[in-house]
């Protein structure tokens, strides 16, 4: 099976494509001083680019793992999440963690199917 890797960072490739699946590595917001909602919006905007780079889009996201440092702010994240995905909500898990580093309140990882 062929594996294609794109958007290399010092520690990972942001996008890994194999078969008809696209794996997008964890991302945090560019400005971690913003609210949970704004951090979520920034990450999802980045993922829009990553999905496009890999040959997919938000309608083809299958699952996501979300890591947050404060579960009491989950509703703020959920509002941005549901606005972004609309009727194409993927399966997901939201996990509380002690620290993501650098003031980040949220990190997201996704798996998507390629567009047909």
PDB file of N, CA and C in Angstrom:
ATOM      1  N   UNK A   1       0.848  -1.177   0.000  1.00  0.00           N
ATOM      2  CA  UNK A   1       0.000   0.000   0.000  1.00  0.00           C
ATOM      3  C   UNK A   1       0.895   1.242   0.000  1.00  0.00           C
ATOM      4  N   UNK A   2       0.591   2.181  -0.855  1.00  0.00           N
ATOM      5  CA  UNK A   2       1.352   3.406  -0.985  1.00  0.00           C
ATOM      6  C   UNK A   2       1.023   4.364   0.165  1.00  0.00           C
ATOM      7  N   UNK A   3       2.046   5.012   0.742  1.00  0.00           N
ATOM      8  CA  UNK A   3       1.864   6.009   1.792  1.00  0.00           C
ATOM      9  C   UNK A   3       2.475   7.316   1.304  1.00  0.00           C
ATOM     10  N   UNK A   4       1.684   8.372   1.343  1.00  0.00           N
ATOM     11  CA  UNK A   4       2.138   9.697   0.929  1.00  0.00           C
ATOM     12  C   UNK A   4       2.110  10.622   2.144  1.00  0.00           C
ATOM     13  N   UNK A   5       3.210  11.341   2.360  1.00  0.00           N
ATOM     14  CA  UNK A   5       3.330  12.233   3.511  1.00  0.00           C
ATOM     15  C   UNK A   5       3.509  13.667   3.016  1.00  0.00           C
ATOM     16  N   UNK A   6       2.769  14.607   3.656  1.00  0.00           N
ATOM     17  CA  UNK A   6       2.820  16.010   3.246  1.00  0.00           C
ATOM     18  C   UNK A   6       2.916  16.918   4.458  1.00  0.00           C
ATOM     19  N   UNK A   7       3.396  18.125   4.209  1.00  0.00           N
ATOM     20  CA  UNK A   7       3.462  19.184   5.207  1.00  0.00           C
ATOM     21  C   UNK A   7       4.298  18.781   6.424  1.00  0.00           C
ATOM     22  N   UNK A   8       5.565  18.557   6.173  1.00  0.00           N
ATOM     23  CA  UNK A   8       6.472  18.136   7.239  1.00  0.00           C
ATOM     24  C   UNK A   8       6.722  19.271   8.236  1.00  0.00           C
ATOM     25  N   UNK A   9       6.731  18.915   9.506  1.00  0.00           N
ATOM     26  CA  UNK A   9       7.149  19.808  10.586  1.00  0.00           C
ATOM     27  C   UNK A   9       8.396  19.168  11.194  1.00  0.00           C
ATOM     28  N   UNK A  10       9.014  19.794  12.186  1.00  0.00           N
ATOM     29  CA  UNK A  10      10.184  19.165  12.797  1.00  0.00           C
ATOM     30  C   UNK A  10       9.897  17.802  13.448  1.00  0.00           C
ATOM     31  N   UNK A  11       8.630  17.537  13.821  1.00  0.00           N
ATOM     32  CA  UNK A  11       8.328  16.296  14.550  1.00  0.00           C
ATOM     33  C   UNK A  11       7.324  15.367  13.872  1.00  0.00           C
ATOM     34  N   UNK A  12       6.715  15.794  12.775  1.00  0.00           N
ATOM     35  CA  UNK A  12       5.702  14.955  12.126  1.00  0.00           C
ATOM     36  C   UNK A  12       5.404  15.466  10.722  1.00  0.00           C
ATOM     37  N   UNK A  13       4.668  14.663   9.964  1.00  0.00           N
ATOM     38  CA  UNK A  13       4.014  15.151   8.755  1.00  0.00           C
ATOM     39  C   UNK A  13       2.578  15.456   9.172  1.00  0.00           C
ATOM     40  N   UNK A  14       2.099  16.633   8.854  1.00  0.00           N
ATOM     41  CA  UNK A  14       0.736  17.020   9.226  1.00  0.00           C
ATOM     42  C   UNK A  14      -0.299  16.118   8.573  1.00  0.00           C
ATOM     43  N   UNK A  15      -0.012  15.704   7.329  1.00  0.00           N
ATOM     44  CA  UNK A  15      -0.971  14.926   6.545  1.00  0.00           C
ATOM     45  C   UNK A  15      -0.295  13.652   6.053  1.00  0.00           C
ATOM     46  N   UNK A  16      -0.927  12.515   6.362  1.00  0.00           N
ATOM     47  CA  UNK A  16      -0.453  11.223   5.861  1.00  0.00           C
ATOM     48  C   UNK A  16      -1.632  10.562   5.153  1.00  0.00           C
ATOM     49  N   UNK A  17      -1.383  10.188   3.894  1.00  0.00           N
ATOM     50  CA  UNK A  17      -2.439   9.611   3.054  1.00  0.00           C
ATOM     51  C   UNK A  17      -2.058   8.193   2.674  1.00  0.00           C
ATOM     52  N   UNK A  18      -2.998   7.263   2.855  1.00  0.00           N
ATOM     53  CA  UNK A  18      -2.808   5.883   2.420  1.00  0.00           C
ATOM     54  C   UNK A  18      -4.159   5.321   2.000  1.00  0.00           C
ATOM     55  N   UNK A  19      -4.175   4.599   0.906  1.00  0.00           N
ATOM     56  CA  UNK A  19      -5.449   4.100   0.390  1.00  0.00           C
ATOM     57  C   UNK A  19      -6.402   5.264   0.192  1.00  0.00           C
ATOM     58  N   UNK A  20      -7.612   5.139   0.736  1.00  0.00           N
ATOM     59  CA  UNK A  20      -8.568   6.242   0.623  1.00  0.00           C
ATOM     60  C   UNK A  20      -8.733   6.985   1.944  1.00  0.00           C
ATOM     61  N   UNK A  21      -7.720   6.853   2.835  1.00  0.00           N
ATOM     62  CA  UNK A  21      -7.783   7.516   4.131  1.00  0.00           C
ATOM     63  C   UNK A  21      -6.724   8.606   4.254  1.00  0.00           C
ATOM     64  N   UNK A  22      -7.079   9.612   5.015  1.00  0.00           N
ATOM     65  CA  UNK A  22      -6.213  10.747   5.284  1.00  0.00           C
ATOM     66  C   UNK A  22      -6.128  10.918   6.798  1.00  0.00           C
ATOM     67  N   UNK A  23      -4.919  10.920   7.325  1.00  0.00           N
ATOM     68  CA  UNK A  23      -4.684  11.096   8.756  1.00  0.00           C
ATOM     69  C   UNK A  23      -4.043  12.457   8.963  1.00  0.00           C
ATOM     70  N   UNK A  24      -4.620  13.254   9.853  1.00  0.00           N
ATOM     71  CA  UNK A  24      -4.089  14.585  10.110  1.00  0.00           C
ATOM     72  C   UNK A  24      -3.627  14.643  11.560  1.00  0.00           C
ATOM     73  N   UNK A  25      -2.337  14.945  11.726  1.00  0.00           N
ATOM     74  CA  UNK A  25      -1.727  14.974  13.047  1.00  0.00           C
ATOM     75  C   UNK A  25      -2.251  16.111  13.906  1.00  0.00           C
ATOM     76  N   UNK A  26      -1.974  16.006  15.185  1.00  0.00           N
ATOM     77  CA  UNK A  26      -2.449  16.974  16.156  1.00  0.00           C
ATOM     78  C   UNK A  26      -2.003  18.396  15.867  1.00  0.00           C
ATOM     79  N   UNK A  27      -2.926  19.333  16.067  1.00  0.00           N
ATOM     80  CA  UNK A  27      -2.633  20.749  15.862  1.00  0.00           C
ATOM     81  C   UNK A  27      -3.235  21.558  17.005  1.00  0.00           C
ATOM     82  N   UNK A  28      -2.519  22.612  17.365  1.00  0.00           N
ATOM     83  CA  UNK A  28      -3.027  23.575  18.339  1.00  0.00           C
ATOM     84  C   UNK A  28      -3.170  24.920  17.634  1.00  0.00           C
ATOM     85  N   UNK A  29      -3.783  25.873  18.319  1.00  0.00           N
ATOM     86  CA  UNK A  29      -4.000  27.205  17.754  1.00  0.00           C
ATOM     87  C   UNK A  29      -2.687  27.973  17.638  1.00  0.00           C
ATOM     88  N   UNK A  30      -2.655  28.892  16.686  1.00  0.00           N
ATOM     89  CA  UNK A  30      -1.494  29.760  16.519  1.00  0.00           C
ATOM     90  C   UNK A  30      -1.364  30.739  17.686  1.00  0.00           C
ATOM     91  N   UNK A  31      -2.501  31.231  18.190  1.00  0.00           N
ATOM     92  CA  UNK A  31      -2.505  32.172  19.310  1.00  0.00           C
ATOM     93  C   UNK A  31      -3.207  31.519  20.488  1.00  0.00           C
ATOM     94  N   UNK A  32      -2.428  31.013  21.422  1.00  0.00           N
ATOM     95  CA  UNK A  32      -2.990  30.274  22.559  1.00  0.00           C
ATOM     96  C   UNK A  32      -3.462  31.185  23.694  1.00  0.00           C
ATOM     97  N   UNK A  33      -3.426  32.509  23.474  1.00  0.00           N
ATOM     98  CA  UNK A  33      -3.976  33.427  24.478  1.00  0.00           C
ATOM     99  C   UNK A  33      -5.465  33.654  24.258  1.00  0.00           C
ATOM    100  N   UNK A  34      -5.978  33.194  23.138  1.00  0.00           N
ATOM    101  CA  UNK A  34      -7.399  33.383  22.802  1.00  0.00           C
ATOM    102  C   UNK A  34      -8.266  32.398  23.589  1.00  0.00           C
ATOM    103  N   UNK A  35      -9.575  32.602  23.524  1.00  0.00           N
ATOM    104  CA  UNK A  35     -10.536  31.741  24.213  1.00  0.00           C
ATOM    105  C   UNK A  35     -10.559  30.335  23.601  1.00  0.00           C
ATOM    106  N   UNK A  36     -11.163  29.406  24.302  1.00  0.00           N
ATOM    107  CA  UNK A  36     -11.312  28.033  23.798  1.00  0.00           C
ATOM    108  C   UNK A  36     -12.020  28.038  22.447  1.00  0.00           C
ATOM    109  N   UNK A  37     -13.072  28.834  22.308  1.00  0.00           N
ATOM    110  CA  UNK A  37     -13.795  28.905  21.044  1.00  0.00           C
ATOM    111  C   UNK A  37     -12.931  29.421  19.912  1.00  0.00           C
ATOM    112  N   UNK A  38     -12.177  30.481  20.171  1.00  0.00           N
ATOM    113  CA  UNK A  38     -11.309  31.046  19.133  1.00  0.00           C
ATOM    114  C   UNK A  38     -10.156  30.106  18.796  1.00  0.00           C
ATOM    115  N   UNK A  39      -9.615  29.412  19.793  1.00  0.00           N
ATOM    116  CA  UNK A  39      -8.577  28.422  19.508  1.00  0.00           C
ATOM    117  C   UNK A  39      -9.148  27.308  18.636  1.00  0.00           C
ATOM    118  N   UNK A  40     -10.352  26.873  18.941  1.00  0.00           N
ATOM    119  CA  UNK A  40     -11.008  25.828  18.148  1.00  0.00           C
ATOM    120  C   UNK A  40     -11.193  26.293  16.705  1.00  0.00           C
ATOM    121  N   UNK A  41     -11.681  27.518  16.526  1.00  0.00           N
ATOM    122  CA  UNK A  41     -11.909  28.069  15.184  1.00  0.00           C
ATOM    123  C   UNK A  41     -10.599  28.113  14.392  1.00  0.00           C
ATOM    124  N   UNK A  42      -9.518  28.563  15.028  1.00  0.00           N
ATOM    125  CA  UNK A  42      -8.224  28.636  14.356  1.00  0.00           C
ATOM    126  C   UNK A  42      -7.735  27.260  13.928  1.00  0.00           C
ATOM    127  N   UNK A  43      -7.882  26.278  14.802  1.00  0.00           N
ATOM    128  CA  UNK A  43      -7.451  24.915  14.466  1.00  0.00           C
ATOM    129  C   UNK A  43      -8.271  24.371  13.305  1.00  0.00           C
ATOM    130  N   UNK A  44      -9.575  24.558  13.328  1.00  0.00           N
ATOM    131  CA  UNK A  44     -10.428  24.041  12.256  1.00  0.00           C
ATOM    132  C   UNK A  44     -10.127  24.727  10.925  1.00  0.00           C
ATOM    133  N   UNK A  45      -9.771  26.007  10.960  1.00  0.00           N
ATOM    134  CA  UNK A  45      -9.353  26.688   9.730  1.00  0.00           C
ATOM    135  C   UNK A  45      -8.073  26.055   9.179  1.00  0.00           C
ATOM    136  N   UNK A  46      -7.144  25.712  10.058  1.00  0.00           N
ATOM    137  CA  UNK A  46      -5.922  25.018   9.625  1.00  0.00           C
ATOM    138  C   UNK A  46      -6.279  23.660   9.016  1.00  0.00           C
ATOM    139  N   UNK A  47      -7.186  22.946   9.667  1.00  0.00           N
ATOM    140  CA  UNK A  47      -7.566  21.622   9.177  1.00  0.00           C
ATOM    141  C   UNK A  47      -8.227  21.708   7.811  1.00  0.00           C
ATOM    142  N   UNK A  48      -8.937  22.792   7.546  1.00  0.00           N
ATOM    143  CA  UNK A  48      -9.529  22.991   6.222  1.00  0.00           C
ATOM    144  C   UNK A  48      -8.421  22.939   5.165  1.00  0.00           C
ATOM    145  N   UNK A  49      -7.316  23.617   5.436  1.00  0.00           N
ATOM    146  CA  UNK A  49      -6.168  23.618   4.526  1.00  0.00           C
ATOM    147  C   UNK A  49      -5.545  22.229   4.445  1.00  0.00           C
ATOM    148  N   UNK A  50      -5.347  21.579   5.586  1.00  0.00           N
ATOM    149  CA  UNK A  50      -4.741  20.248   5.608  1.00  0.00           C
ATOM    150  C   UNK A  50      -5.599  19.240   4.843  1.00  0.00           C
ATOM    151  N   UNK A  51      -6.911  19.297   5.035  1.00  0.00           N
ATOM    152  CA  UNK A  51      -7.814  18.402   4.310  1.00  0.00           C
ATOM    153  C   UNK A  51      -7.705  18.626   2.804  1.00  0.00           C
ATOM    154  N   UNK A  52      -7.720  19.873   2.393  1.00  0.00           N
ATOM    155  CA  UNK A  52      -7.605  20.199   0.966  1.00  0.00           C
ATOM    156  C   UNK A  52      -6.275  19.685   0.404  1.00  0.00           C
ATOM    157  N   UNK A  53      -5.198  19.919   1.145  1.00  0.00           N
ATOM    158  CA  UNK A  53      -3.869  19.465   0.715  1.00  0.00           C
ATOM    159  C   UNK A  53      -3.845  17.952   0.500  1.00  0.00           C
ATOM    160  N   UNK A  54      -4.601  17.223   1.306  1.00  0.00           N
ATOM    161  CA  UNK A  54      -4.626  15.764   1.211  1.00  0.00           C
ATOM    162  C   UNK A  54      -5.678  15.200   0.273  1.00  0.00           C
ATOM    163  N   UNK A  55      -6.532  16.061  -0.299  1.00  0.00           N
ATOM    164  CA  UNK A  55      -7.554  15.588  -1.233  1.00  0.00           C
ATOM    165  C   UNK A  55      -8.891  15.285  -0.588  1.00  0.00           C
ATOM    166  N   UNK A  56      -9.213  15.999   0.478  1.00  0.00           N
ATOM    167  CA  UNK A  56     -10.471  15.765   1.177  1.00  0.00           C
ATOM    168  C   UNK A  56     -11.093  17.103   1.555  1.00  0.00           C
ATOM    169  N   UNK A  57     -12.158  17.039   2.353  1.00  0.00           N
ATOM    170  CA  UNK A  57     -12.801  18.248   2.863  1.00  0.00           C
ATOM    171  C   UNK A  57     -13.561  17.898   4.132  1.00  0.00           C
ATOM    172  N   UNK A  58     -14.150  18.914   4.753  1.00  0.00           N
ATOM    173  CA  UNK A  58     -14.813  18.706   6.054  1.00  0.00           C
ATOM    174  C   UNK A  58     -15.969  17.717   5.981  1.00  0.00           C
ATOM    175  N   UNK A  59     -16.604  17.566   4.836  1.00  0.00           N
ATOM    176  CA  UNK A  59     -17.721  16.628   4.696  1.00  0.00           C
ATOM    177  C   UNK A  59     -17.263  15.174   4.747  1.00  0.00           C
ATOM    178  N   UNK A  60     -15.960  14.937   4.585  1.00  0.00           N
ATOM    179  CA  UNK A  60     -15.429  13.580   4.561  1.00  0.00           C
ATOM    180  C   UNK A  60     -14.632  13.207   5.813  1.00  0.00           C
ATOM    181  N   UNK A  61     -14.697  14.051   6.849  1.00  0.00           N
ATOM    182  CA  UNK A  61     -14.021  13.723   8.103  1.00  0.00           C
ATOM    183  C   UNK A  61     -14.802  12.610   8.788  1.00  0.00           C
ATOM    184  N   UNK A  62     -14.107  11.531   9.128  1.00  0.00           N
ATOM    185  CA  UNK A  62     -14.735  10.365   9.747  1.00  0.00           C
ATOM    186  C   UNK A  62     -14.713  10.426  11.262  1.00  0.00           C
ATOM    187  N   UNK A  63     -13.561  10.833  11.820  1.00  0.00           N
ATOM    188  CA  UNK A  63     -13.440  10.851  13.277  1.00  0.00           C
ATOM    189  C   UNK A  63     -12.434  11.887  13.722  1.00  0.00           C
ATOM    190  N   UNK A  64     -12.561  12.267  14.983  1.00  0.00           N
ATOM    191  CA  UNK A  64     -11.627  13.225  15.576  1.00  0.00           C
ATOM    192  C   UNK A  64     -11.413  12.880  17.035  1.00  0.00           C
ATOM    193  N   UNK A  65     -10.212  13.133  17.497  1.00  0.00           N
ATOM    194  CA  UNK A  65      -9.893  13.065  18.924  1.00  0.00           C
ATOM    195  C   UNK A  65      -9.536  14.484  19.335  1.00  0.00           C
ATOM    196  N   UNK A  66     -10.181  14.939  20.401  1.00  0.00           N
ATOM    197  CA  UNK A  66      -9.994  16.312  20.866  1.00  0.00           C
ATOM    198  C   UNK A  66      -9.490  16.246  22.299  1.00  0.00           C
ATOM    199  N   UNK A  67      -8.425  16.970  22.554  1.00  0.00           N
ATOM    200  CA  UNK A  67      -7.834  17.018  23.881  1.00  0.00           C
ATOM    201  C   UNK A  67      -7.987  18.436  24.407  1.00  0.00           C
ATOM    202  N   UNK A  68      -8.591  18.582  25.588  1.00  0.00           N
ATOM    203  CA  UNK A  68      -8.819  19.904  26.168  1.00  0.00           C
ATOM    204  C   UNK A  68      -8.303  19.946  27.597  1.00  0.00           C
ATOM    205  N   UNK A  69      -7.841  21.128  27.993  1.00  0.00           N
ATOM    206  CA  UNK A  69      -7.305  21.278  29.348  1.00  0.00           C
ATOM    207  C   UNK A  69      -8.363  21.672  30.362  1.00  0.00           C
ATOM    208  N   UNK A  70      -9.549  22.073  29.904  1.00  0.00           N
ATOM    209  CA  UNK A  70     -10.607  22.504  30.816  1.00  0.00           C
ATOM    210  C   UNK A  70     -11.959  22.074  30.252  1.00  0.00           C
ATOM    211  N   UNK A  71     -12.482  20.967  30.752  1.00  0.00           N
ATOM    212  CA  UNK A  71     -13.750  20.436  30.232  1.00  0.00           C
ATOM    213  C   UNK A  71     -14.930  21.350  30.522  1.00  0.00           C
ATOM    214  N   UNK A  72     -14.785  22.291  31.447  1.00  0.00           N
ATOM    215  CA  UNK A  72     -15.882  23.230  31.710  1.00  0.00           C
ATOM    216  C   UNK A  72     -16.089  24.188  30.534  1.00  0.00           C
ATOM    217  N   UNK A  73     -15.118  24.266  29.608  1.00  0.00           N
ATOM    218  CA  UNK A  73     -15.231  25.119  28.425  1.00  0.00           C
ATOM    219  C   UNK A  73     -15.670  24.341  27.185  1.00  0.00           C
ATOM    220  N   UNK A  74     -16.065  23.100  27.371  1.00  0.00           N
ATOM    221  CA  UNK A  74     -16.426  22.223  26.248  1.00  0.00           C
ATOM    222  C   UNK A  74     -17.586  22.787  25.420  1.00  0.00           C
ATOM    223  N   UNK A  75     -18.563  23.398  26.059  1.00  0.00           N
ATOM    224  CA  UNK A  75     -19.704  23.949  25.311  1.00  0.00           C
ATOM    225  C   UNK A  75     -19.259  25.027  24.333  1.00  0.00           C
ATOM    226  N   UNK A  76     -18.275  25.820  24.725  1.00  0.00           N
ATOM    227  CA  UNK A  76     -17.733  26.855  23.836  1.00  0.00           C
ATOM    228  C   UNK A  76     -17.098  26.208  22.606  1.00  0.00           C
ATOM    229  N   UNK A  77     -16.344  25.136  22.830  1.00  0.00           N
ATOM    230  CA  UNK A  77     -15.722  24.395  21.730  1.00  0.00           C
ATOM    231  C   UNK A  77     -16.802  23.732  20.867  1.00  0.00           C
ATOM    232  N   UNK A  78     -17.800  23.138  21.502  1.00  0.00           N
ATOM    233  CA  UNK A  78     -18.874  22.462  20.771  1.00  0.00           C
ATOM    234  C   UNK A  78     -19.608  23.409  19.815  1.00  0.00           C
ATOM    235  N   UNK A  79     -19.828  24.648  20.233  1.00  0.00           N
ATOM    236  CA  UNK A  79     -20.550  25.611  19.388  1.00  0.00           C
ATOM    237  C   UNK A  79     -19.787  25.877  18.095  1.00  0.00           C
ATOM    238  N   UNK A  80     -18.482  26.067  18.199  1.00  0.00           N
ATOM    239  CA  UNK A  80     -17.662  26.297  17.009  1.00  0.00           C
ATOM    240  C   UNK A  80     -17.607  25.028  16.165  1.00  0.00           C
ATOM    241  N   UNK A  81     -17.455  23.883  16.814  1.00  0.00           N
ATOM    242  CA  UNK A  81     -17.372  22.590  16.146  1.00  0.00           C
ATOM    243  C   UNK A  81     -18.611  22.335  15.287  1.00  0.00           C
ATOM    244  N   UNK A  82     -19.798  22.486  15.875  1.00  0.00           N
ATOM    245  CA  UNK A  82     -21.038  22.191  15.146  1.00  0.00           C
ATOM    246  C   UNK A  82     -21.281  23.213  14.031  1.00  0.00           C
ATOM    247  N   UNK A  83     -20.867  24.455  14.237  1.00  0.00           N
ATOM    248  CA  UNK A  83     -20.975  25.459  13.178  1.00  0.00           C
ATOM    249  C   UNK A  83     -20.085  25.072  11.993  1.00  0.00           C
ATOM    250  N   UNK A  84     -18.885  24.613  12.270  1.00  0.00           N
ATOM    251  CA  UNK A  84     -17.931  24.251  11.226  1.00  0.00           C
ATOM    252  C   UNK A  84     -18.422  23.046  10.416  1.00  0.00           C
ATOM    253  N   UNK A  85     -18.906  22.004  11.087  1.00  0.00           N
ATOM    254  CA  UNK A  85     -19.264  20.766  10.395  1.00  0.00           C
ATOM    255  C   UNK A  85     -20.710  20.715   9.921  1.00  0.00           C
ATOM    256  N   UNK A  86     -21.595  21.492  10.502  1.00  0.00           N
ATOM    257  CA  UNK A  86     -22.995  21.465  10.081  1.00  0.00           C
ATOM    258  C   UNK A  86     -23.582  20.072  10.179  1.00  0.00           C
ATOM    259  N   UNK A  87     -24.142  19.575   9.074  1.00  0.00           N
ATOM    260  CA  UNK A  87     -24.770  18.253   9.056  1.00  0.00           C
ATOM    261  C   UNK A  87     -23.772  17.111   8.917  1.00  0.00           C
ATOM    262  N   UNK A  88     -22.478  17.402   8.807  1.00  0.00           N
ATOM    263  CA  UNK A  88     -21.472  16.371   8.560  1.00  0.00           C
ATOM    264  C   UNK A  88     -20.596  16.128   9.794  1.00  0.00           C
ATOM    265  N   UNK A  89     -21.222  16.082  10.955  1.00  0.00           N
ATOM    266  CA  UNK A  89     -20.482  15.873  12.201  1.00  0.00           C
ATOM    267  C   UNK A  89     -19.807  14.499  12.201  1.00  0.00           C
ATOM    268  N   UNK A  90     -18.498  14.469  12.439  1.00  0.00           N
ATOM    269  CA  UNK A  90     -17.797  13.181  12.513  1.00  0.00           C
ATOM    270  C   UNK A  90     -17.970  12.540  13.886  1.00  0.00           C
ATOM    271  N   UNK A  91     -17.646  11.262  13.981  1.00  0.00           N
ATOM    272  CA  UNK A  91     -17.550  10.615  15.293  1.00  0.00           C
ATOM    273  C   UNK A  91     -16.383  11.279  16.016  1.00  0.00           C
ATOM    274  N   UNK A  92     -16.481  11.382  17.343  1.00  0.00           N
ATOM    275  CA  UNK A  92     -15.388  12.042  18.053  1.00  0.00           C
ATOM    276  C   UNK A  92     -15.355  11.665  19.519  1.00  0.00           C
ATOM    277  N   UNK A  93     -14.205  11.926  20.122  1.00  0.00           N
ATOM    278  CA  UNK A  93     -14.038  11.801  21.563  1.00  0.00           C
ATOM    279  C   UNK A  93     -13.367  13.072  22.050  1.00  0.00           C
ATOM    280  N   UNK A  94     -13.802  13.562  23.205  1.00  0.00           N
ATOM    281  CA  UNK A  94     -13.176  14.718  23.830  1.00  0.00           C
ATOM    282  C   UNK A  94     -12.605  14.247  25.154  1.00  0.00           C
ATOM    283  N   UNK A  95     -11.305  14.463  25.329  1.00  0.00           N
ATOM    284  CA  UNK A  95     -10.591  13.947  26.487  1.00  0.00           C
ATOM    285  C   UNK A  95      -9.969  15.104  27.259  1.00  0.00           C
ATOM    286  N   UNK A  96     -10.177  15.125  28.561  1.00  0.00           N
ATOM    287  CA  UNK A  96      -9.551  16.122  29.408  1.00  0.00           C
ATOM    288  C   UNK A  96      -8.113  15.729  29.703  1.00  0.00           C
ATOM    289  N   UNK A  97      -7.208  16.683  29.571  1.00  0.00           N
ATOM    290  CA  UNK A  97      -5.789  16.453  29.847  1.00  0.00           C
ATOM    291  C   UNK A  97      -5.279  17.559  30.773  1.00  0.00           C
ATOM    292  N   UNK A  98      -4.179  17.282  31.459  1.00  0.00           N
ATOM    293  CA  UNK A  98      -3.638  18.257  32.408  1.00  0.00           C
ATOM    294  C   UNK A  98      -3.012  19.456  31.712  1.00  0.00           C
ATOM    295  N   UNK A  99      -2.263  19.227  30.627  1.00  0.00           N
ATOM    296  CA  UNK A  99      -1.515  20.315  30.005  1.00  0.00           C
ATOM    297  C   UNK A  99      -1.184  19.950  28.565  1.00  0.00           C
ATOM    298  N   UNK A 100      -1.314  20.926  27.667  1.00  0.00           N
ATOM    299  CA  UNK A 100      -0.931  20.747  26.268  1.00  0.00           C
ATOM    300  C   UNK A 100       0.307  21.567  25.920  1.00  0.00           C
ATOM    301  N   UNK A 101       0.786  22.339  26.847  1.00  0.00           N
ATOM    302  CA  UNK A 101       1.977  23.152  26.642  1.00  0.00           C
ATOM    303  C   UNK A 101       1.677  24.483  25.991  1.00  0.00           C
ATOM    304  N   UNK A 102       2.454  25.484  26.326  1.00  0.00           N
ATOM    305  CA  UNK A 102       2.381  26.789  25.678  1.00  0.00           C
ATOM    306  C   UNK A 102       1.063  27.525  25.818  1.00  0.00           C
ATOM    307  N   UNK A 103       0.250  27.176  26.797  1.00  0.00           N
ATOM    308  CA  UNK A 103      -1.026  27.847  26.985  1.00  0.00           C
ATOM    309  C   UNK A 103      -2.160  27.306  26.133  1.00  0.00           C
ATOM    310  N   UNK A 104      -1.886  26.309  25.311  1.00  0.00           N
ATOM    311  CA  UNK A 104      -2.943  25.732  24.466  1.00  0.00           C
ATOM    312  C   UNK A 104      -4.029  25.117  25.334  1.00  0.00           C
ATOM    313  N   UNK A 105      -5.276  25.377  24.967  1.00  0.00           N
ATOM    314  CA  UNK A 105      -6.416  24.794  25.664  1.00  0.00           C
ATOM    315  C   UNK A 105      -6.994  23.602  24.926  1.00  0.00           C
ATOM    316  N   UNK A 106      -6.604  23.444  23.653  1.00  0.00           N
ATOM    317  CA  UNK A 106      -7.200  22.386  22.834  1.00  0.00           C
ATOM    318  C   UNK A 106      -6.215  21.922  21.758  1.00  0.00           C
ATOM    319  N   UNK A 107      -6.237  20.615  21.491  1.00  0.00           N
ATOM    320  CA  UNK A 107      -5.501  20.016  20.380  1.00  0.00           C
ATOM    321  C   UNK A 107      -6.434  19.033  19.705  1.00  0.00           C
ATOM    322  N   UNK A 108      -6.392  18.998  18.379  1.00  0.00           N
ATOM    323  CA  UNK A 108      -7.305  18.139  17.606  1.00  0.00           C
ATOM    324  C   UNK A 108      -6.501  17.268  16.640  1.00  0.00           C
ATOM    325  N   UNK A 109      -6.945  16.005  16.505  1.00  0.00           N
ATOM    326  CA  UNK A 109      -6.412  15.032  15.549  1.00  0.00           C
ATOM    327  C   UNK A 109      -7.607  14.516  14.737  1.00  0.00           C
ATOM    328  N   UNK A 110      -7.442  14.334  13.423  1.00  0.00           N
ATOM    329  CA  UNK A 110      -8.561  13.876  12.578  1.00  0.00           C
ATOM    330  C   UNK A 110      -8.178  12.760  11.635  1.00  0.00           C
ATOM    331  N   UNK A 111      -9.179  11.988  11.250  1.00  0.00           N
ATOM    332  CA  UNK A 111      -9.079  11.016  10.173  1.00  0.00           C
ATOM    333  C   UNK A 111     -10.224  11.302   9.191  1.00  0.00           C
ATOM    334  N   UNK A 112      -9.885  11.327   7.899  1.00  0.00           N
ATOM    335  CA  UNK A 112     -10.895  11.610   6.882  1.00  0.00           C
ATOM    336  C   UNK A 112     -10.774  10.614   5.729  1.00  0.00           C
ATOM    337  N   UNK A 113     -11.818  10.532   4.955  1.00  0.00           N
ATOM    338  CA  UNK A 113     -11.838   9.741   3.728  1.00  0.00           C
ATOM    339  C   UNK A 113     -11.544  10.705   2.581  1.00  0.00           C
ATOM    340  N   UNK A 114     -10.864  10.238   1.580  1.00  0.00           N
ATOM    341  CA  UNK A 114     -10.606  11.081   0.412  1.00  0.00           C
ATOM    342  C   UNK A 114     -11.920  11.334  -0.328  1.00  0.00           C
ATOM    343  N   UNK A 115     -11.994  12.484  -0.994  1.00  0.00           N
ATOM    344  CA  UNK A 115     -13.163  12.759  -1.826  1.00  0.00           C
ATOM    345  C   UNK A 115     -13.133  11.791  -3.002  1.00  0.00           C
ATOM    346  N   UNK A 116     -14.287  11.354  -3.415  1.00  0.00           N
ATOM    347  CA  UNK A 116     -14.384  10.415  -4.538  1.00  0.00           C
ATOM    348  C   UNK A 116     -14.064  11.087  -5.840  1.00  0.00           C
TER     349      UNK A 116
END
